[in-house]
Amino acid sequence: HAAGGLAVVNVNATAASNRLTGNGPAPIALLGEDRDAVFTHPDRTDNDGTLVTPDARRQVSEHVVVEGVAYYRYGRTRTFNGDLGDDEEGAAFDAVNNLSETRGRGTGMSAQVTRTAPLAARDNHFIAGGGLDAARTEFHFAAERAQLTADRGTTRTGVFDEEAFVDLRSRVLTASAFLTNTWSVTPAIGLT
């Protein structure tokens, strides 16, 4: 790049979405009745994620470069897990649907200035910069009382265990700064 040249800017984006089914192992007695049987179902996990990252670089002068990067990240995971319940025999509900959702968002940026002008007629490499990152996470959980179906699936009832609800939220903010300088005492020795 020539001194005072145009900035180079890149933007990268990544997105993913999937649905995973992870039914666990079935007891031997159940498999003896039906080799395709599962102990309980459904056992689903849905994942969605996005990441966008722009970065830029500019040669300000012969010896000075300014660089920066930013990002935005979003992720969500939802689970639906039908299980055999712990209720007593003869109870109205003999199964449970464990439902959860986790959401995370993060954003941040960092920038640095690099100066490579000689110092006392020796190579010198000076870098100064800083960054700021913020994140927020939420987790929700509920246990829905259910009934086991003939094929060992679970029903949706809308009746929830009031004592099992979980609602967590967190936020994090981090700021950083850095400085470093490497001066070449000789062609083979650098002082940092």
C-alpha atoms as a PDB file:
ATOM      1  CA  HIS A   1       0.000   0.000   0.000  1.00  0.00           C
ATOM      2  CA  ALA A   2       1.189   3.500  -0.723  1.00  0.00           C
ATOM      3  CA  ALA A   3       1.235   6.041   2.083  1.00  0.00           C
ATOM      4  CA  GLY A   4      -2.257   7.405   2.647  1.00  0.00           C
ATOM      5  CA  GLY A   5      -3.689   4.671   0.410  1.00  0.00           C
ATOM      6  CA  LEU A   6      -7.252   3.445   0.493  1.00  0.00           C
ATOM      7  CA  ALA A   7      -8.409   1.249   3.323  1.00  0.00           C
ATOM      8  CA  VAL A   8      -8.945  -2.459   2.744  1.00  0.00           C
ATOM      9  CA  VAL A   9     -12.245  -3.646   4.196  1.00  0.00           C
ATOM     10  CA  ASN A  10     -13.473  -7.246   4.460  1.00  0.00           C
ATOM     11  CA  VAL A  11     -16.767  -8.586   5.775  1.00  0.00           C
ATOM     12  CA  ASN A  12     -17.173 -12.248   6.659  1.00  0.00           C
ATOM     13  CA  ALA A  13     -20.489 -13.869   7.540  1.00  0.00           C
ATOM     14  CA  THR A  14     -21.245 -17.365   8.776  1.00  0.00           C
ATOM     15  CA  ALA A  15     -24.627 -18.885   9.555  1.00  0.00           C
ATOM     16  CA  ALA A  16     -25.666 -22.370  10.598  1.00  0.00           C
ATOM     17  CA  SER A  17     -28.882 -24.109  11.541  1.00  0.00           C
ATOM     18  CA  ASN A  18     -29.404 -27.754  12.426  1.00  0.00           C
ATOM     19  CA  ARG A  19     -31.791 -30.139  14.127  1.00  0.00           C
ATOM     20  CA  LEU A  20     -30.254 -33.064  15.973  1.00  0.00           C
ATOM     21  CA  THR A  21     -32.041 -36.162  17.238  1.00  0.00           C
ATOM     22  CA  GLY A  22     -30.222 -38.018  19.974  1.00  0.00           C
ATOM     23  CA  ASN A  23     -32.408 -40.766  21.401  1.00  0.00           C
ATOM     24  CA  GLY A  24     -30.475 -42.654  24.039  1.00  0.00           C
ATOM     25  CA  PRO A  25     -29.977 -46.415  24.350  1.00  0.00           C
ATOM     26  CA  ALA A  26     -32.991 -48.643  25.005  1.00  0.00           C
ATOM     27  CA  PRO A  27     -33.113 -51.385  27.650  1.00  0.00           C
ATOM     28  CA  ILE A  28     -32.407 -54.926  26.393  1.00  0.00           C
ATOM     29  CA  ALA A  29     -35.901 -56.099  27.387  1.00  0.00           C
ATOM     30  CA  LEU A  30     -37.485 -53.362  25.250  1.00  0.00           C
ATOM     31  CA  LEU A  31     -35.245 -54.199  22.291  1.00  0.00           C
ATOM     32  CA  GLY A  32     -36.276 -57.855  22.701  1.00  0.00           C
ATOM     33  CA  GLU A  33     -39.845 -56.776  21.902  1.00  0.00           C
ATOM     34  CA  ASP A  34     -38.942 -54.361  19.085  1.00  0.00           C
ATOM     35  CA  ARG A  35     -35.414 -53.854  17.679  1.00  0.00           C
ATOM     36  CA  ASP A  36     -36.371 -50.341  16.456  1.00  0.00           C
ATOM     37  CA  ALA A  37     -37.732 -49.207  19.826  1.00  0.00           C
ATOM     38  CA  VAL A  38     -36.386 -46.208  21.688  1.00  0.00           C
ATOM     39  CA  PHE A  39     -36.707 -45.785  25.433  1.00  0.00           C
ATOM     40  CA  THR A  40     -38.462 -42.412  25.161  1.00  0.00           C
ATOM     41  CA  HIS A  41     -38.826 -39.756  22.505  1.00  0.00           C
ATOM     42  CA  PRO A  42     -38.602 -37.044  21.289  1.00  0.00           C
ATOM     43  CA  ASP A  43     -35.027 -36.060  22.071  1.00  0.00           C
ATOM     44  CA  ARG A  44     -34.383 -33.054  19.836  1.00  0.00           C
ATOM     45  CA  THR A  45     -31.849 -30.249  19.877  1.00  0.00           C
ATOM     46  CA  ASP A  46     -32.204 -27.316  17.481  1.00  0.00           C
ATOM     47  CA  ASN A  47     -29.209 -25.008  16.976  1.00  0.00           C
ATOM     48  CA  ASP A  48     -29.023 -21.687  15.128  1.00  0.00           C
ATOM     49  CA  GLY A  49     -25.961 -19.476  14.924  1.00  0.00           C
ATOM     50  CA  THR A  50     -24.764 -16.367  13.120  1.00  0.00           C
ATOM     51  CA  LEU A  51     -21.400 -14.584  13.088  1.00  0.00           C
ATOM     52  CA  VAL A  52     -20.613 -11.388  11.178  1.00  0.00           C
ATOM     53  CA  THR A  53     -17.062 -10.025  11.248  1.00  0.00           C
ATOM     54  CA  PRO A  54     -15.978  -6.868   9.413  1.00  0.00           C
ATOM     55  CA  ASP A  55     -12.308  -5.885   9.504  1.00  0.00           C
ATOM     56  CA  ALA A  56     -10.349  -3.005   8.004  1.00  0.00           C
ATOM     57  CA  ARG A  57      -6.710  -2.026   7.467  1.00  0.00           C
ATOM     58  CA  ARG A  58      -5.222   1.248   6.290  1.00  0.00           C
ATOM     59  CA  GLN A  59      -1.623   2.219   5.605  1.00  0.00           C
ATOM     60  CA  VAL A  60      -1.660   5.781   6.952  1.00  0.00           C
ATOM     61  CA  SER A  61       1.964   6.527   6.124  1.00  0.00           C
ATOM     62  CA  GLU A  62       5.141   4.676   5.219  1.00  0.00           C
ATOM     63  CA  HIS A  63       5.588   3.504   8.824  1.00  0.00           C
ATOM     64  CA  VAL A  64       2.069   3.603  10.288  1.00  0.00           C
ATOM     65  CA  VAL A  65      -0.770   1.081   9.828  1.00  0.00           C
ATOM     66  CA  VAL A  66      -4.198   1.258  11.482  1.00  0.00           C
ATOM     67  CA  GLU A  67      -6.245  -1.948  11.777  1.00  0.00           C
ATOM     68  CA  GLY A  68      -9.564  -2.829  13.319  1.00  0.00           C
ATOM     69  CA  VAL A  69     -12.021  -5.689  13.591  1.00  0.00           C
ATOM     70  CA  ALA A  70     -15.555  -5.956  14.942  1.00  0.00           C
ATOM     71  CA  TYR A  71     -17.962  -8.856  15.378  1.00  0.00           C
ATOM     72  CA  TYR A  72     -21.554  -9.732  16.120  1.00  0.00           C
ATOM     73  CA  ARG A  73     -22.402 -13.278  17.224  1.00  0.00           C
ATOM     74  CA  TYR A  74     -25.826 -14.781  17.921  1.00  0.00           C
ATOM     75  CA  GLY A  75     -26.605 -18.313  18.973  1.00  0.00           C
ATOM     76  CA  ARG A  76     -29.722 -20.158  20.076  1.00  0.00           C
ATOM     77  CA  THR A  77     -30.137 -23.746  21.234  1.00  0.00           C
ATOM     78  CA  ARG A  78     -33.550 -25.256  21.982  1.00  0.00           C
ATOM     79  CA  THR A  79     -34.084 -28.724  23.414  1.00  0.00           C
ATOM     80  CA  PHE A  80     -37.170 -30.929  23.742  1.00  0.00           C
ATOM     81  CA  ASN A  81     -36.509 -34.115  25.668  1.00  0.00           C
ATOM     82  CA  GLY A  82     -39.361 -36.508  26.495  1.00  0.00           C
ATOM     83  CA  ASP A  83     -38.534 -38.749  29.466  1.00  0.00           C
ATOM     84  CA  LEU A  84     -40.148 -41.306  31.711  1.00  0.00           C
ATOM     85  CA  GLY A  85     -41.474 -39.491  34.784  1.00  0.00           C
ATOM     86  CA  ASP A  86     -40.628 -40.058  38.430  1.00  0.00           C
ATOM     87  CA  ASP A  87     -44.261 -39.875  39.533  1.00  0.00           C
ATOM     88  CA  GLU A  88     -45.781 -42.651  41.591  1.00  0.00           C
ATOM     89  CA  GLU A  89     -47.559 -45.542  39.921  1.00  0.00           C
ATOM     90  CA  GLY A  90     -51.155 -44.736  38.989  1.00  0.00           C
ATOM     91  CA  ALA A  91     -50.505 -40.973  38.839  1.00  0.00           C
ATOM     92  CA  ALA A  92     -52.120 -38.889  36.089  1.00  0.00           C
ATOM     93  CA  PHE A  93     -48.714 -38.191  34.509  1.00  0.00           C
ATOM     94  CA  ASP A  94     -46.070 -40.843  33.912  1.00  0.00           C
ATOM     95  CA  ALA A  95     -43.696 -38.805  31.715  1.00  0.00           C
ATOM     96  CA  VAL A  96     -42.078 -35.388  31.548  1.00  0.00           C
ATOM     97  CA  ASN A  97     -41.061 -33.073  28.726  1.00  0.00           C
ATOM     98  CA  ASN A  98     -37.862 -31.211  29.586  1.00  0.00           C
ATOM     99  CA  LEU A  99     -37.799 -28.002  27.521  1.00  0.00           C
ATOM    100  CA  SER A 100     -34.913 -25.549  27.401  1.00  0.00           C
ATOM    101  CA  GLU A 101     -33.717 -22.581  25.409  1.00  0.00           C
ATOM    102  CA  THR A 102     -30.323 -20.882  25.542  1.00  0.00           C
ATOM    103  CA  ARG A 103     -29.695 -17.610  23.707  1.00  0.00           C
ATOM    104  CA  GLY A 104     -26.406 -15.796  23.475  1.00  0.00           C
ATOM    105  CA  ARG A 105     -25.435 -12.521  21.853  1.00  0.00           C
ATOM    106  CA  GLY A 106     -21.967 -11.077  21.712  1.00  0.00           C
ATOM    107  CA  THR A 107     -20.523  -8.018  20.091  1.00  0.00           C
ATOM    108  CA  GLY A 108     -17.150  -6.386  20.194  1.00  0.00           C
ATOM    109  CA  MET A 109     -14.420  -4.516  18.465  1.00  0.00           C
ATOM    110  CA  SER A 110     -10.696  -3.931  18.680  1.00  0.00           C
ATOM    111  CA  ALA A 111      -8.300  -1.599  16.939  1.00  0.00           C
ATOM    112  CA  GLN A 112      -4.571  -1.082  16.879  1.00  0.00           C
ATOM    113  CA  VAL A 113      -1.960   1.251  15.477  1.00  0.00           C
ATOM    114  CA  THR A 114       1.381  -0.175  14.375  1.00  0.00           C
ATOM    115  CA  ARG A 115       4.398   2.092  13.881  1.00  0.00           C
ATOM    116  CA  THR A 116       7.554   0.646  12.307  1.00  0.00           C
ATOM    117  CA  ALA A 117       9.751   3.754  12.024  1.00  0.00           C
ATOM    118  CA  PRO A 118      13.408   3.216  13.061  1.00  0.00           C
ATOM    119  CA  LEU A 119      14.507   4.390  16.524  1.00  0.00           C
ATOM    120  CA  ALA A 120      18.130   5.449  17.005  1.00  0.00           C
ATOM    121  CA  ALA A 121      18.907   4.021  13.546  1.00  0.00           C
ATOM    122  CA  ARG A 122      17.638   0.554  14.588  1.00  0.00           C
ATOM    123  CA  ASP A 123      14.478  -1.306  13.593  1.00  0.00           C
ATOM    124  CA  ASN A 124      11.589  -0.580  15.945  1.00  0.00           C
ATOM    125  CA  HIS A 125       8.088  -2.058  16.085  1.00  0.00           C
ATOM    126  CA  PHE A 126       5.509  -0.252  18.283  1.00  0.00           C
ATOM    127  CA  ILE A 127       1.880  -1.388  18.691  1.00  0.00           C
ATOM    128  CA  ALA A 128      -0.901   0.264  20.713  1.00  0.00           C
ATOM    129  CA  GLY A 129      -4.531  -0.727  20.765  1.00  0.00           C
ATOM    130  CA  GLY A 130      -7.654  -1.546  22.668  1.00  0.00           C
ATOM    131  CA  GLY A 131     -10.850  -3.479  22.591  1.00  0.00           C
ATOM    132  CA  LEU A 132     -14.378  -3.628  23.927  1.00  0.00           C
ATOM    133  CA  ASP A 133     -16.518  -6.782  24.185  1.00  0.00           C
ATOM    134  CA  ALA A 134     -20.078  -7.223  25.447  1.00  0.00           C
ATOM    135  CA  ALA A 135     -22.096 -10.411  25.827  1.00  0.00           C
ATOM    136  CA  ARG A 136     -25.535 -11.382  27.019  1.00  0.00           C
ATOM    137  CA  THR A 137     -26.768 -14.915  27.733  1.00  0.00           C
ATOM    138  CA  GLU A 138     -30.220 -16.189  28.659  1.00  0.00           C
ATOM    139  CA  PHE A 139     -31.208 -19.698  29.766  1.00  0.00           C
ATOM    140  CA  HIS A 140     -34.788 -20.874  30.249  1.00  0.00           C
ATOM    141  CA  PHE A 141     -35.960 -24.306  31.390  1.00  0.00           C
ATOM    142  CA  ALA A 142     -39.380 -25.845  32.052  1.00  0.00           C
ATOM    143  CA  ALA A 143     -40.619 -29.328  32.934  1.00  0.00           C
ATOM    144  CA  GLU A 144     -44.002 -30.158  31.425  1.00  0.00           C
ATOM    145  CA  ARG A 145     -45.894 -33.068  32.965  1.00  0.00           C
ATOM    146  CA  ALA A 146     -46.833 -35.552  30.239  1.00  0.00           C
ATOM    147  CA  GLN A 147     -48.145 -39.011  29.490  1.00  0.00           C
ATOM    148  CA  LEU A 148     -46.241 -41.785  27.783  1.00  0.00           C
ATOM    149  CA  THR A 149     -47.792 -42.935  24.488  1.00  0.00           C
ATOM    150  CA  ALA A 150     -47.916 -46.523  23.175  1.00  0.00           C
ATOM    151  CA  ASP A 151     -44.766 -45.928  21.083  1.00  0.00           C
ATOM    152  CA  ARG A 152     -42.979 -44.414  24.127  1.00  0.00           C
ATOM    153  CA  GLY A 153     -43.364 -40.832  22.945  1.00  0.00           C
ATOM    154  CA  THR A 154     -44.703 -38.107  25.223  1.00  0.00           C
ATOM    155  CA  THR A 155     -47.827 -35.973  25.010  1.00  0.00           C
ATOM    156  CA  ARG A 156     -48.022 -32.178  25.333  1.00  0.00           C
ATOM    157  CA  THR A 157     -50.350 -31.188  28.188  1.00  0.00           C
ATOM    158  CA  GLY A 158     -49.580 -27.564  29.061  1.00  0.00           C
ATOM    159  CA  VAL A 159     -49.271 -28.570  32.734  1.00  0.00           C
ATOM    160  CA  PHE A 160     -45.899 -27.467  34.106  1.00  0.00           C
ATOM    161  CA  ASP A 161     -43.990 -28.213  37.305  1.00  0.00           C
ATOM    162  CA  GLU A 162     -43.962 -24.753  38.912  1.00  0.00           C
ATOM    163  CA  GLU A 163     -40.890 -25.585  41.007  1.00  0.00           C
ATOM    164  CA  ALA A 164     -38.766 -26.574  37.981  1.00  0.00           C
ATOM    165  CA  PHE A 165     -38.818 -23.282  36.065  1.00  0.00           C
ATOM    166  CA  VAL A 166     -35.380 -21.710  35.482  1.00  0.00           C
ATOM    167  CA  ASP A 167     -34.874 -18.206  34.090  1.00  0.00           C
ATOM    168  CA  LEU A 168     -31.226 -17.059  34.111  1.00  0.00           C
ATOM    169  CA  ARG A 169     -29.762 -13.969  32.485  1.00  0.00           C
ATOM    170  CA  SER A 170     -26.197 -12.694  32.467  1.00  0.00           C
ATOM    171  CA  ARG A 171     -24.313  -9.761  30.981  1.00  0.00           C
ATOM    172  CA  VAL A 172     -20.584  -9.225  30.631  1.00  0.00           C
ATOM    173  CA  LEU A 173     -18.672  -6.144  29.519  1.00  0.00           C
ATOM    174  CA  THR A 174     -14.892  -6.232  29.068  1.00  0.00           C
ATOM    175  CA  ALA A 175     -12.567  -3.421  28.041  1.00  0.00           C
ATOM    176  CA  SER A 176      -8.890  -3.889  27.253  1.00  0.00           C
ATOM    177  CA  ALA A 177      -5.846  -1.909  26.202  1.00  0.00           C
ATOM    178  CA  PHE A 178      -2.372  -2.992  25.165  1.00  0.00           C
ATOM    179  CA  LEU A 179       1.023  -1.510  24.317  1.00  0.00           C
ATOM    180  CA  THR A 180       4.151  -3.237  23.119  1.00  0.00           C
ATOM    181  CA  ASN A 181       7.420  -2.085  21.624  1.00  0.00           C
ATOM    182  CA  THR A 182      10.260  -4.169  20.203  1.00  0.00           C
ATOM    183  CA  TRP A 183      13.529  -2.376  19.487  1.00  0.00           C
ATOM    184  CA  SER A 184      16.324  -4.201  17.650  1.00  0.00           C
ATOM    185  CA  VAL A 185      19.485  -3.742  19.675  1.00  0.00           C
ATOM    186  CA  THR A 186      21.341  -5.721  16.972  1.00  0.00           C
ATOM    187  CA  PRO A 187      20.048  -7.577  13.898  1.00  0.00           C
ATOM    188  CA  ALA A 188      19.848 -10.735  16.076  1.00  0.00           C
ATOM    189  CA  ILE A 189      18.668  -9.280  19.428  1.00  0.00           C
ATOM    190  CA  GLY A 190      15.403  -7.481  20.121  1.00  0.00           C
ATOM    191  CA  LEU A 191      14.415  -5.696  23.324  1.00  0.00           C
ATOM    192  CA  THR A 192      10.675  -5.753  24.172  1.00  0.00           C
END
